[in-house]
Amino acid sequence: MVIIMDKTYKLIDALGNTYESLTPGLLGGNKKLKIYGRLDCPSAKRWIEKGYYVSNRVFFLNEDIAISAGYRPCAVCMPEEYKKWKTKTRKKTKWYNFIKYIAFFLFVCNNLIEK
């Protein structure tokens, strides 16, 4: 009797949970830094060769899953995707800071009126 054991790979799903898959991940990432990139990323390879990064290494089936899990693209191996992400993040940050400023202004005005 022959038992065929398929190799399984640990991947991260869209919610950030680990699961076993028969399909290897197409992208690698760092769970501590929340960055994803190509498997041949020169930056990741340098850190792995130095002995760092390996314990935080994660894999994703595709880019949509990496993004859904809260990871951002690597600036080294995915520069175009990183630029798009950075632009979106800046826009969100500007609106967040504007709303925070307005809320603080209203808070101060409310306290002045009550006095």
PDB file of N, CA and C in Angstrom:
ATOM      1  N   MET A   1       0.837  -1.178   0.000  1.00  0.00           N
ATOM      2  CA  MET A   1       0.000   0.000   0.000  1.00  0.00           C
ATOM      3  C   MET A   1       0.889   1.251   0.000  1.00  0.00           C
ATOM      4  N   VAL A   2       0.595   2.189  -0.906  1.00  0.00           N
ATOM      5  CA  VAL A   2       1.365   3.417  -1.033  1.00  0.00           C
ATOM      6  C   VAL A   2       0.505   4.588  -0.565  1.00  0.00           C
ATOM      7  N   ILE A   3       1.065   5.373   0.319  1.00  0.00           N
ATOM      8  CA  ILE A   3       0.366   6.566   0.796  1.00  0.00           C
ATOM      9  C   ILE A   3       1.039   7.778   0.167  1.00  0.00           C
ATOM     10  N   ILE A   4       0.249   8.565  -0.547  1.00  0.00           N
ATOM     11  CA  ILE A   4       0.777   9.772  -1.179  1.00  0.00           C
ATOM     12  C   ILE A   4       0.455  10.951  -0.268  1.00  0.00           C
ATOM     13  N   MET A   5       1.492  11.612   0.155  1.00  0.00           N
ATOM     14  CA  MET A   5       1.310  12.781   1.024  1.00  0.00           C
ATOM     15  C   MET A   5       1.623  14.030   0.203  1.00  0.00           C
ATOM     16  N   ASP A   6       0.648  14.863   0.034  1.00  0.00           N
ATOM     17  CA  ASP A   6       0.866  16.120  -0.668  1.00  0.00           C
ATOM     18  C   ASP A   6       1.508  17.114   0.282  1.00  0.00           C
ATOM     19  N   LYS A   7       2.437  17.877  -0.247  1.00  0.00           N
ATOM     20  CA  LYS A   7       3.060  18.925   0.553  1.00  0.00           C
ATOM     21  C   LYS A   7       2.017  20.017   0.793  1.00  0.00           C
ATOM     22  N   THR A   8       1.981  20.500   2.008  1.00  0.00           N
ATOM     23  CA  THR A   8       1.072  21.603   2.306  1.00  0.00           C
ATOM     24  C   THR A   8       1.885  22.841   2.663  1.00  0.00           C
ATOM     25  N   TYR A   9       1.260  23.983   2.466  1.00  0.00           N
ATOM     26  CA  TYR A   9       1.901  25.263   2.722  1.00  0.00           C
ATOM     27  C   TYR A   9       1.033  26.052   3.690  1.00  0.00           C
ATOM     28  N   LYS A  10       1.679  26.775   4.586  1.00  0.00           N
ATOM     29  CA  LYS A  10       0.940  27.634   5.506  1.00  0.00           C
ATOM     30  C   LYS A  10       0.774  28.997   4.861  1.00  0.00           C
ATOM     31  N   LEU A  11      -0.479  29.388   4.677  1.00  0.00           N
ATOM     32  CA  LEU A  11      -0.800  30.681   4.082  1.00  0.00           C
ATOM     33  C   LEU A  11      -1.622  31.511   5.057  1.00  0.00           C
ATOM     34  N   ILE A  12      -1.735  32.786   4.780  1.00  0.00           N
ATOM     35  CA  ILE A  12      -2.551  33.706   5.573  1.00  0.00           C
ATOM     36  C   ILE A  12      -3.793  34.045   4.762  1.00  0.00           C
ATOM     37  N   ASP A  13      -4.966  34.001   5.405  1.00  0.00           N
ATOM     38  CA  ASP A  13      -6.203  34.356   4.695  1.00  0.00           C
ATOM     39  C   ASP A  13      -6.499  35.847   4.839  1.00  0.00           C
ATOM     40  N   ALA A  14      -7.610  36.290   4.277  1.00  0.00           N
ATOM     41  CA  ALA A  14      -7.974  37.706   4.270  1.00  0.00           C
ATOM     42  C   ALA A  14      -8.204  38.277   5.666  1.00  0.00           C
ATOM     43  N   LEU A  15      -8.472  37.408   6.641  1.00  0.00           N
ATOM     44  CA  LEU A  15      -8.675  37.874   8.020  1.00  0.00           C
ATOM     45  C   LEU A  15      -7.401  37.795   8.858  1.00  0.00           C
ATOM     46  N   GLY A  16      -6.307  37.341   8.228  1.00  0.00           N
ATOM     47  CA  GLY A  16      -5.034  37.241   8.939  1.00  0.00           C
ATOM     48  C   GLY A  16      -4.819  35.914   9.625  1.00  0.00           C
ATOM     49  N   ASN A  17      -5.700  34.942   9.384  1.00  0.00           N
ATOM     50  CA  ASN A  17      -5.576  33.619   9.996  1.00  0.00           C
ATOM     51  C   ASN A  17      -4.719  32.700   9.134  1.00  0.00           C
ATOM     52  N   THR A  18      -3.971  31.811   9.772  1.00  0.00           N
ATOM     53  CA  THR A  18      -3.143  30.846   9.062  1.00  0.00           C
ATOM     54  C   THR A  18      -3.976  29.633   8.680  1.00  0.00           C
ATOM     55  N   TYR A  19      -3.725  29.109   7.477  1.00  0.00           N
ATOM     56  CA  TYR A  19      -4.396  27.885   7.045  1.00  0.00           C
ATOM     57  C   TYR A  19      -3.454  27.070   6.173  1.00  0.00           C
ATOM     58  N   GLU A  20      -3.723  25.777   6.069  1.00  0.00           N
ATOM     59  CA  GLU A  20      -2.923  24.871   5.243  1.00  0.00           C
ATOM     60  C   GLU A  20      -3.489  24.863   3.825  1.00  0.00           C
ATOM     61  N   SER A  21      -2.591  24.853   2.840  1.00  0.00           N
ATOM     62  CA  SER A  21      -3.007  24.852   1.442  1.00  0.00           C
ATOM     63  C   SER A  21      -2.124  23.906   0.637  1.00  0.00           C
ATOM     64  N   LEU A  22      -2.691  23.299  -0.377  1.00  0.00           N
ATOM     65  CA  LEU A  22      -1.911  22.483  -1.294  1.00  0.00           C
ATOM     66  C   LEU A  22      -1.194  23.361  -2.319  1.00  0.00           C
ATOM     67  N   THR A  23      -1.625  24.605  -2.440  1.00  0.00           N
ATOM     68  CA  THR A  23      -1.046  25.565  -3.370  1.00  0.00           C
ATOM     69  C   THR A  23      -0.086  26.487  -2.621  1.00  0.00           C
ATOM     70  N   PRO A  24       1.140  26.628  -3.107  1.00  0.00           N
ATOM     71  CA  PRO A  24       2.062  27.550  -2.427  1.00  0.00           C
ATOM     72  C   PRO A  24       1.641  28.999  -2.625  1.00  0.00           C
ATOM     73  N   GLY A  25       2.053  29.854  -1.728  1.00  0.00           N
ATOM     74  CA  GLY A  25       1.746  31.269  -1.852  1.00  0.00           C
ATOM     75  C   GLY A  25       2.522  31.907  -2.991  1.00  0.00           C
ATOM     76  N   LEU A  26       1.934  32.903  -3.597  1.00  0.00           N
ATOM     77  CA  LEU A  26       2.598  33.632  -4.683  1.00  0.00           C
ATOM     78  C   LEU A  26       3.348  34.857  -4.173  1.00  0.00           C
ATOM     79  N   LEU A  27       3.014  35.281  -2.944  1.00  0.00           N
ATOM     80  CA  LEU A  27       3.654  36.443  -2.333  1.00  0.00           C
ATOM     81  C   LEU A  27       4.111  36.091  -0.924  1.00  0.00           C
ATOM     82  N   GLY A  28       5.211  36.700  -0.507  1.00  0.00           N
ATOM     83  CA  GLY A  28       5.698  36.532   0.857  1.00  0.00           C
ATOM     84  C   GLY A  28       5.488  37.816   1.623  1.00  0.00           C
ATOM     85  N   GLY A  29       5.617  37.732   2.933  1.00  0.00           N
ATOM     86  CA  GLY A  29       5.448  38.935   3.730  1.00  0.00           C
ATOM     87  C   GLY A  29       6.091  38.817   5.094  1.00  0.00           C
ATOM     88  N   ASN A  30       6.013  39.891   5.834  1.00  0.00           N
ATOM     89  CA  ASN A  30       6.527  39.945   7.198  1.00  0.00           C
ATOM     90  C   ASN A  30       5.360  40.305   8.109  1.00  0.00           C
ATOM     91  N   LYS A  31       4.988  39.367   8.999  1.00  0.00           N
ATOM     92  CA  LYS A  31       3.805  39.602   9.843  1.00  0.00           C
ATOM     93  C   LYS A  31       4.032  40.692  10.877  1.00  0.00           C
ATOM     94  N   LYS A  32       5.273  40.944  11.260  1.00  0.00           N
ATOM     95  CA  LYS A  32       5.549  41.994  12.244  1.00  0.00           C
ATOM     96  C   LYS A  32       5.455  43.385  11.596  1.00  0.00           C
ATOM     97  N   LEU A  33       6.000  43.512  10.389  1.00  0.00           N
ATOM     98  CA  LEU A  33       5.998  44.797   9.692  1.00  0.00           C
ATOM     99  C   LEU A  33       4.749  45.017   8.846  1.00  0.00           C
ATOM    100  N   LYS A  34       3.969  43.933   8.625  1.00  0.00           N
ATOM    101  CA  LYS A  34       2.746  43.981   7.813  1.00  0.00           C
ATOM    102  C   LYS A  34       3.047  44.460   6.387  1.00  0.00           C
ATOM    103  N   ILE A  35       4.115  43.865   5.798  1.00  0.00           N
ATOM    104  CA  ILE A  35       4.527  44.169   4.433  1.00  0.00           C
ATOM    105  C   ILE A  35       4.436  42.892   3.615  1.00  0.00           C
ATOM    106  N   TYR A  36       4.001  42.986   2.363  1.00  0.00           N
ATOM    107  CA  TYR A  36       4.029  41.840   1.461  1.00  0.00           C
ATOM    108  C   TYR A  36       4.795  42.203   0.200  1.00  0.00           C
ATOM    109  N   GLY A  37       5.355  41.182  -0.459  1.00  0.00           N
ATOM    110  CA  GLY A  37       6.091  41.424  -1.691  1.00  0.00           C
ATOM    111  C   GLY A  37       6.329  40.145  -2.460  1.00  0.00           C
ATOM    112  N   ARG A  38       7.090  40.260  -3.532  1.00  0.00           N
ATOM    113  CA  ARG A  38       7.403  39.109  -4.369  1.00  0.00           C
ATOM    114  C   ARG A  38       8.307  38.139  -3.608  1.00  0.00           C
ATOM    115  N   LEU A  39       8.258  36.888  -3.987  1.00  0.00           N
ATOM    116  CA  LEU A  39       9.088  35.871  -3.332  1.00  0.00           C
ATOM    117  C   LEU A  39      10.572  36.067  -3.628  1.00  0.00           C
ATOM    118  N   ASP A  40      10.895  36.757  -4.712  1.00  0.00           N
ATOM    119  CA  ASP A  40      12.294  37.000  -5.056  1.00  0.00           C
ATOM    120  C   ASP A  40      12.752  38.416  -4.669  1.00  0.00           C
ATOM    121  N   CYS A  41      12.070  39.033  -3.738  1.00  0.00           N
ATOM    122  CA  CYS A  41      12.389  40.401  -3.311  1.00  0.00           C
ATOM    123  C   CYS A  41      13.832  40.475  -2.792  1.00  0.00           C
ATOM    124  N   PRO A  42      14.657  41.347  -3.350  1.00  0.00           N
ATOM    125  CA  PRO A  42      16.046  41.445  -2.892  1.00  0.00           C
ATOM    126  C   PRO A  42      16.167  41.912  -1.446  1.00  0.00           C
ATOM    127  N   SER A  43      15.262  42.761  -1.009  1.00  0.00           N
ATOM    128  CA  SER A  43      15.309  43.244   0.378  1.00  0.00           C
ATOM    129  C   SER A  43      15.014  42.102   1.359  1.00  0.00           C
ATOM    130  N   ALA A  44      13.964  41.342   1.079  1.00  0.00           N
ATOM    131  CA  ALA A  44      13.626  40.208   1.947  1.00  0.00           C
ATOM    132  C   ALA A  44      14.742  39.171   1.938  1.00  0.00           C
ATOM    133  N   LYS A  45      15.287  38.910   0.761  1.00  0.00           N
ATOM    134  CA  LYS A  45      16.377  37.925   0.657  1.00  0.00           C
ATOM    135  C   LYS A  45      17.579  38.326   1.510  1.00  0.00           C
ATOM    136  N   ARG A  46      17.938  39.618   1.490  1.00  0.00           N
ATOM    137  CA  ARG A  46      19.074  40.091   2.305  1.00  0.00           C
ATOM    138  C   ARG A  46      18.829  39.819   3.785  1.00  0.00           C
ATOM    139  N   TRP A  47      17.618  40.140   4.263  1.00  0.00           N
ATOM    140  CA  TRP A  47      17.309  39.933   5.679  1.00  0.00           C
ATOM    141  C   TRP A  47      17.280  38.454   6.029  1.00  0.00           C
ATOM    142  N   ILE A  48      16.738  37.636   5.139  1.00  0.00           N
ATOM    143  CA  ILE A  48      16.678  36.198   5.387  1.00  0.00           C
ATOM    144  C   ILE A  48      18.088  35.616   5.440  1.00  0.00           C
ATOM    145  N   GLU A  49      18.972  36.050   4.529  1.00  0.00           N
ATOM    146  CA  GLU A  49      20.354  35.573   4.517  1.00  0.00           C
ATOM    147  C   GLU A  49      21.100  35.938   5.795  1.00  0.00           C
ATOM    148  N   LYS A  50      20.743  37.049   6.418  1.00  0.00           N
ATOM    149  CA  LYS A  50      21.365  37.473   7.677  1.00  0.00           C
ATOM    150  C   LYS A  50      20.778  36.748   8.882  1.00  0.00           C
ATOM    151  N   GLY A  51      19.726  35.954   8.642  1.00  0.00           N
ATOM    152  CA  GLY A  51      19.107  35.205   9.730  1.00  0.00           C
ATOM    153  C   GLY A  51      17.934  35.910  10.384  1.00  0.00           C
ATOM    154  N   TYR A  52      17.588  37.064   9.883  1.00  0.00           N
ATOM    155  CA  TYR A  52      16.443  37.798  10.409  1.00  0.00           C
ATOM    156  C   TYR A  52      15.213  37.453   9.582  1.00  0.00           C
ATOM    157  N   TYR A  53      14.063  37.885  10.059  1.00  0.00           N
ATOM    158  CA  TYR A  53      12.866  37.899   9.219  1.00  0.00           C
ATOM    159  C   TYR A  53      12.188  36.544   9.106  1.00  0.00           C
ATOM    160  N   VAL A  54      12.937  35.445   9.217  1.00  0.00           N
ATOM    161  CA  VAL A  54      12.383  34.117   8.957  1.00  0.00           C
ATOM    162  C   VAL A  54      11.235  33.781   9.904  1.00  0.00           C
ATOM    163  N   SER A  55      11.358  34.103  11.172  1.00  0.00           N
ATOM    164  CA  SER A  55      10.302  33.761  12.134  1.00  0.00           C
ATOM    165  C   SER A  55       9.028  34.571  11.906  1.00  0.00           C
ATOM    166  N   ASN A  56       9.144  35.681  11.196  1.00  0.00           N
ATOM    167  CA  ASN A  56       7.975  36.528  10.902  1.00  0.00           C
ATOM    168  C   ASN A  56       7.480  36.364   9.468  1.00  0.00           C
ATOM    169  N   ARG A  57       8.041  35.410   8.756  1.00  0.00           N
ATOM    170  CA  ARG A  57       7.697  35.214   7.336  1.00  0.00           C
ATOM    171  C   ARG A  57       6.315  34.593   7.203  1.00  0.00           C
ATOM    172  N   VAL A  58       5.498  35.163   6.321  1.00  0.00           N
ATOM    173  CA  VAL A  58       4.168  34.642   6.011  1.00  0.00           C
ATOM    174  C   VAL A  58       4.011  34.607   4.493  1.00  0.00           C
ATOM    175  N   PHE A  59       2.987  33.878   4.019  1.00  0.00           N
ATOM    176  CA  PHE A  59       2.766  33.745   2.584  1.00  0.00           C
ATOM    177  C   PHE A  59       1.296  33.955   2.258  1.00  0.00           C
ATOM    178  N   PHE A  60       1.050  34.499   1.064  1.00  0.00           N
ATOM    179  CA  PHE A  60      -0.303  34.798   0.610  1.00  0.00           C
ATOM    180  C   PHE A  60      -0.536  34.178  -0.751  1.00  0.00           C
ATOM    181  N   LEU A  61      -1.759  33.755  -0.979  1.00  0.00           N
ATOM    182  CA  LEU A  61      -2.132  33.185  -2.268  1.00  0.00           C
ATOM    183  C   LEU A  61      -2.109  34.247  -3.362  1.00  0.00           C
ATOM    184  N   ASN A  62      -2.532  35.475  -3.015  1.00  0.00           N
ATOM    185  CA  ASN A  62      -2.522  36.562  -4.004  1.00  0.00           C
ATOM    186  C   ASN A  62      -2.502  37.925  -3.302  1.00  0.00           C
ATOM    187  N   GLU A  63      -2.407  38.964  -4.096  1.00  0.00           N
ATOM    188  CA  GLU A  63      -2.287  40.318  -3.563  1.00  0.00           C
ATOM    189  C   GLU A  63      -3.559  40.794  -2.863  1.00  0.00           C
ATOM    190  N   ASP A  64      -4.719  40.439  -3.397  1.00  0.00           N
ATOM    191  CA  ASP A  64      -5.982  40.854  -2.767  1.00  0.00           C
ATOM    192  C   ASP A  64      -6.083  40.339  -1.332  1.00  0.00           C
ATOM    193  N   ILE A  65      -5.642  39.115  -1.117  1.00  0.00           N
ATOM    194  CA  ILE A  65      -5.690  38.544   0.237  1.00  0.00           C
ATOM    195  C   ILE A  65      -4.713  39.272   1.152  1.00  0.00           C
ATOM    196  N   ALA A  66      -3.523  39.570   0.652  1.00  0.00           N
ATOM    197  CA  ALA A  66      -2.535  40.292   1.464  1.00  0.00           C
ATOM    198  C   ALA A  66      -3.085  41.655   1.890  1.00  0.00           C
ATOM    199  N   ILE A  67      -3.707  42.356   0.962  1.00  0.00           N
ATOM    200  CA  ILE A  67      -4.276  43.677   1.268  1.00  0.00           C
ATOM    201  C   ILE A  67      -5.423  43.543   2.268  1.00  0.00           C
ATOM    202  N   SER A  68      -6.296  42.565   2.059  1.00  0.00           N
ATOM    203  CA  SER A  68      -7.429  42.350   2.976  1.00  0.00           C
ATOM    204  C   SER A  68      -6.964  42.008   4.381  1.00  0.00           C
ATOM    205  N   ALA A  69      -5.812  41.340   4.481  1.00  0.00           N
ATOM    206  CA  ALA A  69      -5.274  40.975   5.791  1.00  0.00           C
ATOM    207  C   ALA A  69      -4.573  42.147   6.466  1.00  0.00           C
ATOM    208  N   GLY A  70      -4.513  43.294   5.781  1.00  0.00           N
ATOM    209  CA  GLY A  70      -3.952  44.501   6.391  1.00  0.00           C
ATOM    210  C   GLY A  70      -2.482  44.737   6.100  1.00  0.00           C
ATOM    211  N   TYR A  71      -1.943  44.105   5.063  1.00  0.00           N
ATOM    212  CA  TYR A  71      -0.543  44.269   4.706  1.00  0.00           C
ATOM    213  C   TYR A  71      -0.401  45.308   3.597  1.00  0.00           C
ATOM    214  N   ARG A  72       0.761  45.944   3.542  1.00  0.00           N
ATOM    215  CA  ARG A  72       1.041  46.932   2.506  1.00  0.00           C
ATOM    216  C   ARG A  72       2.118  46.391   1.570  1.00  0.00           C
ATOM    217  N   PRO A  73       2.179  46.908   0.323  1.00  0.00           N
ATOM    218  CA  PRO A  73       3.187  46.432  -0.625  1.00  0.00           C
ATOM    219  C   PRO A  73       4.598  46.886  -0.249  1.00  0.00           C
ATOM    220  N   CYS A  74       5.574  46.081  -0.628  1.00  0.00           N
ATOM    221  CA  CYS A  74       6.986  46.394  -0.417  1.00  0.00           C
ATOM    222  C   CYS A  74       7.423  47.477  -1.396  1.00  0.00           C
ATOM    223  N   ALA A  75       8.126  48.481  -0.909  1.00  0.00           N
ATOM    224  CA  ALA A  75       8.594  49.569  -1.762  1.00  0.00           C
ATOM    225  C   ALA A  75       9.733  49.126  -2.673  1.00  0.00           C
ATOM    226  N   VAL A  76      10.449  48.069  -2.295  1.00  0.00           N
ATOM    227  CA  VAL A  76      11.600  47.619  -3.086  1.00  0.00           C
ATOM    228  C   VAL A  76      11.176  46.791  -4.289  1.00  0.00           C
ATOM    229  N   CYS A  77      10.393  45.750  -4.071  1.00  0.00           N
ATOM    230  CA  CYS A  77      10.061  44.827  -5.160  1.00  0.00           C
ATOM    231  C   CYS A  77       8.718  45.116  -5.833  1.00  0.00           C
ATOM    232  N   MET A  78       7.925  46.002  -5.250  1.00  0.00           N
ATOM    233  CA  MET A  78       6.624  46.351  -5.834  1.00  0.00           C
ATOM    234  C   MET A  78       6.451  47.873  -5.803  1.00  0.00           C
ATOM    235  N   PRO A  79       7.354  48.606  -6.455  1.00  0.00           N
ATOM    236  CA  PRO A  79       7.337  50.071  -6.340  1.00  0.00           C
ATOM    237  C   PRO A  79       6.056  50.744  -6.829  1.00  0.00           C
ATOM    238  N   GLU A  80       5.469  50.254  -7.907  1.00  0.00           N
ATOM    239  CA  GLU A  80       4.233  50.872  -8.412  1.00  0.00           C
ATOM    240  C   GLU A  80       3.071  50.662  -7.444  1.00  0.00           C
ATOM    241  N   GLU A  81       2.936  49.437  -6.939  1.00  0.00           N
ATOM    242  CA  GLU A  81       1.872  49.135  -5.971  1.00  0.00           C
ATOM    243  C   GLU A  81       2.077  49.940  -4.687  1.00  0.00           C
ATOM    244  N   TYR A  82       3.359  50.096  -4.291  1.00  0.00           N
ATOM    245  CA  TYR A  82       3.677  50.873  -3.090  1.00  0.00           C
ATOM    246  C   TYR A  82       3.270  52.337  -3.274  1.00  0.00           C
ATOM    247  N   LYS A  83       3.574  52.910  -4.450  1.00  0.00           N
ATOM    248  CA  LYS A  83       3.205  54.313  -4.718  1.00  0.00           C
ATOM    249  C   LYS A  83       1.694  54.510  -4.635  1.00  0.00           C
ATOM    250  N   LYS A  84       0.937  53.571  -5.206  1.00  0.00           N
ATOM    251  CA  LYS A  84      -0.532  53.649  -5.139  1.00  0.00           C
ATOM    252  C   LYS A  84      -1.005  53.578  -3.693  1.00  0.00           C
ATOM    253  N   TRP A  85      -0.434  52.645  -2.929  1.00  0.00           N
ATOM    254  CA  TRP A  85      -0.802  52.492  -1.519  1.00  0.00           C
ATOM    255  C   TRP A  85      -0.474  53.769  -0.749  1.00  0.00           C
ATOM    256  N   LYS A  86       0.704  54.318  -0.983  1.00  0.00           N
ATOM    257  CA  LYS A  86       1.159  55.510  -0.270  1.00  0.00           C
ATOM    258  C   LYS A  86       0.241  56.698  -0.566  1.00  0.00           C
ATOM    259  N   THR A  87      -0.175  56.836  -1.823  1.00  0.00           N
ATOM    260  CA  THR A  87      -1.086  57.921  -2.200  1.00  0.00           C
ATOM    261  C   THR A  87      -2.416  57.783  -1.483  1.00  0.00           C
ATOM    262  N   LYS A  88      -2.962  56.563  -1.450  1.00  0.00           N
ATOM    263  CA  LYS A  88      -4.240  56.339  -0.755  1.00  0.00           C
ATOM    264  C   LYS A  88      -4.102  56.604   0.737  1.00  0.00           C
ATOM    265  N   THR A  89      -2.995  56.172   1.318  1.00  0.00           N
ATOM    266  CA  THR A  89      -2.771  56.357   2.753  1.00  0.00           C
ATOM    267  C   THR A  89      -2.673  57.837   3.101  1.00  0.00           C
ATOM    268  N   ARG A  90      -1.973  58.594   2.272  1.00  0.00           N
ATOM    269  CA  ARG A  90      -1.851  60.041   2.515  1.00  0.00           C
ATOM    270  C   ARG A  90      -3.205  60.728   2.479  1.00  0.00           C
ATOM    271  N   LYS A  91      -4.036  60.346   1.502  1.00  0.00           N
ATOM    272  CA  LYS A  91      -5.370  60.948   1.407  1.00  0.00           C
ATOM    273  C   LYS A  91      -6.185  60.639   2.656  1.00  0.00           C
ATOM    274  N   LYS A  92      -6.144  59.391   3.119  1.00  0.00           N
ATOM    275  CA  LYS A  92      -6.875  59.014   4.334  1.00  0.00           C
ATOM    276  C   LYS A  92      -6.347  59.784   5.531  1.00  0.00           C
ATOM    277  N   THR A  93      -5.025  59.913   5.624  1.00  0.00           N
ATOM    278  CA  THR A  93      -4.412  60.605   6.756  1.00  0.00           C
ATOM    279  C   THR A  93      -4.799  62.079   6.759  1.00  0.00           C
ATOM    280  N   LYS A  94      -4.809  62.701   5.584  1.00  0.00           N
ATOM    281  CA  LYS A  94      -5.195  64.120   5.516  1.00  0.00           C
ATOM    282  C   LYS A  94      -6.622  64.312   6.008  1.00  0.00           C
ATOM    283  N   TRP A  95      -7.544  63.462   5.551  1.00  0.00           N
ATOM    284  CA  TRP A  95      -8.942  63.577   5.993  1.00  0.00           C
ATOM    285  C   TRP A  95      -9.060  63.293   7.483  1.00  0.00           C
ATOM    286  N   TYR A  96      -8.339  62.298   7.961  1.00  0.00           N
ATOM    287  CA  TYR A  96      -8.379  61.961   9.386  1.00  0.00           C
ATOM    288  C   TYR A  96      -7.886  63.149  10.209  1.00  0.00           C
ATOM    289  N   ASN A  97      -6.776  63.740   9.808  1.00  0.00           N
ATOM    290  CA  ASN A  97      -6.237  64.884  10.554  1.00  0.00           C
ATOM    291  C   ASN A  97      -7.181  66.078  10.487  1.00  0.00           C
ATOM    292  N   PHE A  98      -7.818  66.296   9.348  1.00  0.00           N
ATOM    293  CA  PHE A  98      -8.771  67.393   9.213  1.00  0.00           C
ATOM    294  C   PHE A  98      -9.957  67.184  10.152  1.00  0.00           C
ATOM    295  N   ILE A  99     -10.500  65.984  10.176  1.00  0.00           N
ATOM    296  CA  ILE A  99     -11.644  65.672  11.048  1.00  0.00           C
ATOM    297  C   ILE A  99     -11.244  65.798  12.518  1.00  0.00           C
ATOM    298  N   LYS A 100     -10.047  65.325  12.849  1.00  0.00           N
ATOM    299  CA  LYS A 100      -9.549  65.430  14.219  1.00  0.00           C
ATOM    300  C   LYS A 100      -9.419  66.903  14.625  1.00  0.00           C
ATOM    301  N   TYR A 101      -8.922  67.739  13.712  1.00  0.00           N
ATOM    302  CA  TYR A 101      -8.780  69.161  13.980  1.00  0.00           C
ATOM    303  C   TYR A 101     -10.139  69.805  14.211  1.00  0.00           C
ATOM    304  N   ILE A 102     -11.112  69.503  13.377  1.00  0.00           N
ATOM    305  CA  ILE A 102     -12.470  70.055  13.522  1.00  0.00           C
ATOM    306  C   ILE A 102     -13.083  69.620  14.845  1.00  0.00           C
ATOM    307  N   ALA A 103     -12.911  68.355  15.200  1.00  0.00           N
ATOM    308  CA  ALA A 103     -13.463  67.856  16.465  1.00  0.00           C
ATOM    309  C   ALA A 103     -12.843  68.597  17.645  1.00  0.00           C
ATOM    310  N   PHE A 104     -11.536  68.826  17.602  1.00  0.00           N
ATOM    311  CA  PHE A 104     -10.860  69.551  18.673  1.00  0.00           C
ATOM    312  C   PHE A 104     -11.360  70.994  18.730  1.00  0.00           C
ATOM    313  N   PHE A 105     -11.513  71.626  17.585  1.00  0.00           N
ATOM    314  CA  PHE A 105     -12.004  72.999  17.509  1.00  0.00           C
ATOM    315  C   PHE A 105     -13.404  73.100  18.129  1.00  0.00           C
ATOM    316  N   LEU A 106     -14.282  72.161  17.774  1.00  0.00           N
ATOM    317  CA  LEU A 106     -15.637  72.165  18.333  1.00  0.00           C
ATOM    318  C   LEU A 106     -15.624  71.929  19.841  1.00  0.00           C
ATOM    319  N   PHE A 107     -14.728  71.061  20.296  1.00  0.00           N
ATOM    320  CA  PHE A 107     -14.589  70.789  21.727  1.00  0.00           C
ATOM    321  C   PHE A 107     -14.179  72.065  22.475  1.00  0.00           C
ATOM    322  N   VAL A 108     -13.188  72.773  21.945  1.00  0.00           N
ATOM    323  CA  VAL A 108     -12.715  74.015  22.579  1.00  0.00           C
ATOM    324  C   VAL A 108     -13.815  75.062  22.562  1.00  0.00           C
ATOM    325  N   CYS A 109     -14.492  75.221  21.443  1.00  0.00           N
ATOM    326  CA  CYS A 109     -15.589  76.203  21.347  1.00  0.00           C
ATOM    327  C   CYS A 109     -16.700  75.889  22.337  1.00  0.00           C
ATOM    328  N   ASN A 110     -17.048  74.609  22.451  1.00  0.00           N
ATOM    329  CA  ASN A 110     -18.083  74.185  23.381  1.00  0.00           C
ATOM    330  C   ASN A 110     -17.689  74.511  24.829  1.00  0.00           C
ATOM    331  N   ASN A 111     -16.428  74.286  25.177  1.00  0.00           N
ATOM    332  CA  ASN A 111     -15.969  74.606  26.529  1.00  0.00           C
ATOM    333  C   ASN A 111     -15.963  76.114  26.795  1.00  0.00           C
ATOM    334  N   LEU A 112     -15.644  76.905  25.789  1.00  0.00           N
ATOM    335  CA  LEU A 112     -15.651  78.363  25.961  1.00  0.00           C
ATOM    336  C   LEU A 112     -17.086  78.877  26.144  1.00  0.00           C
ATOM    337  N   ILE A 113     -18.025  78.303  25.419  1.00  0.00           N
ATOM    338  CA  ILE A 113     -19.423  78.731  25.512  1.00  0.00           C
ATOM    339  C   ILE A 113     -19.995  78.383  26.885  1.00  0.00           C
ATOM    340  N   GLU A 114     -19.635  77.224  27.423  1.00  0.00           N
ATOM    341  CA  GLU A 114     -20.154  76.792  28.718  1.00  0.00           C
ATOM    342  C   GLU A 114     -19.634  77.650  29.861  1.00  0.00           C
ATOM    343  N   LYS A 115     -18.475  78.269  29.700  1.00  0.00           N
ATOM    344  CA  LYS A 115     -17.876  79.088  30.763  1.00  0.00           C
ATOM    345  C   LYS A 115     -18.432  80.439  30.727  1.00  0.00           C
TER     346      LYS A 115
END
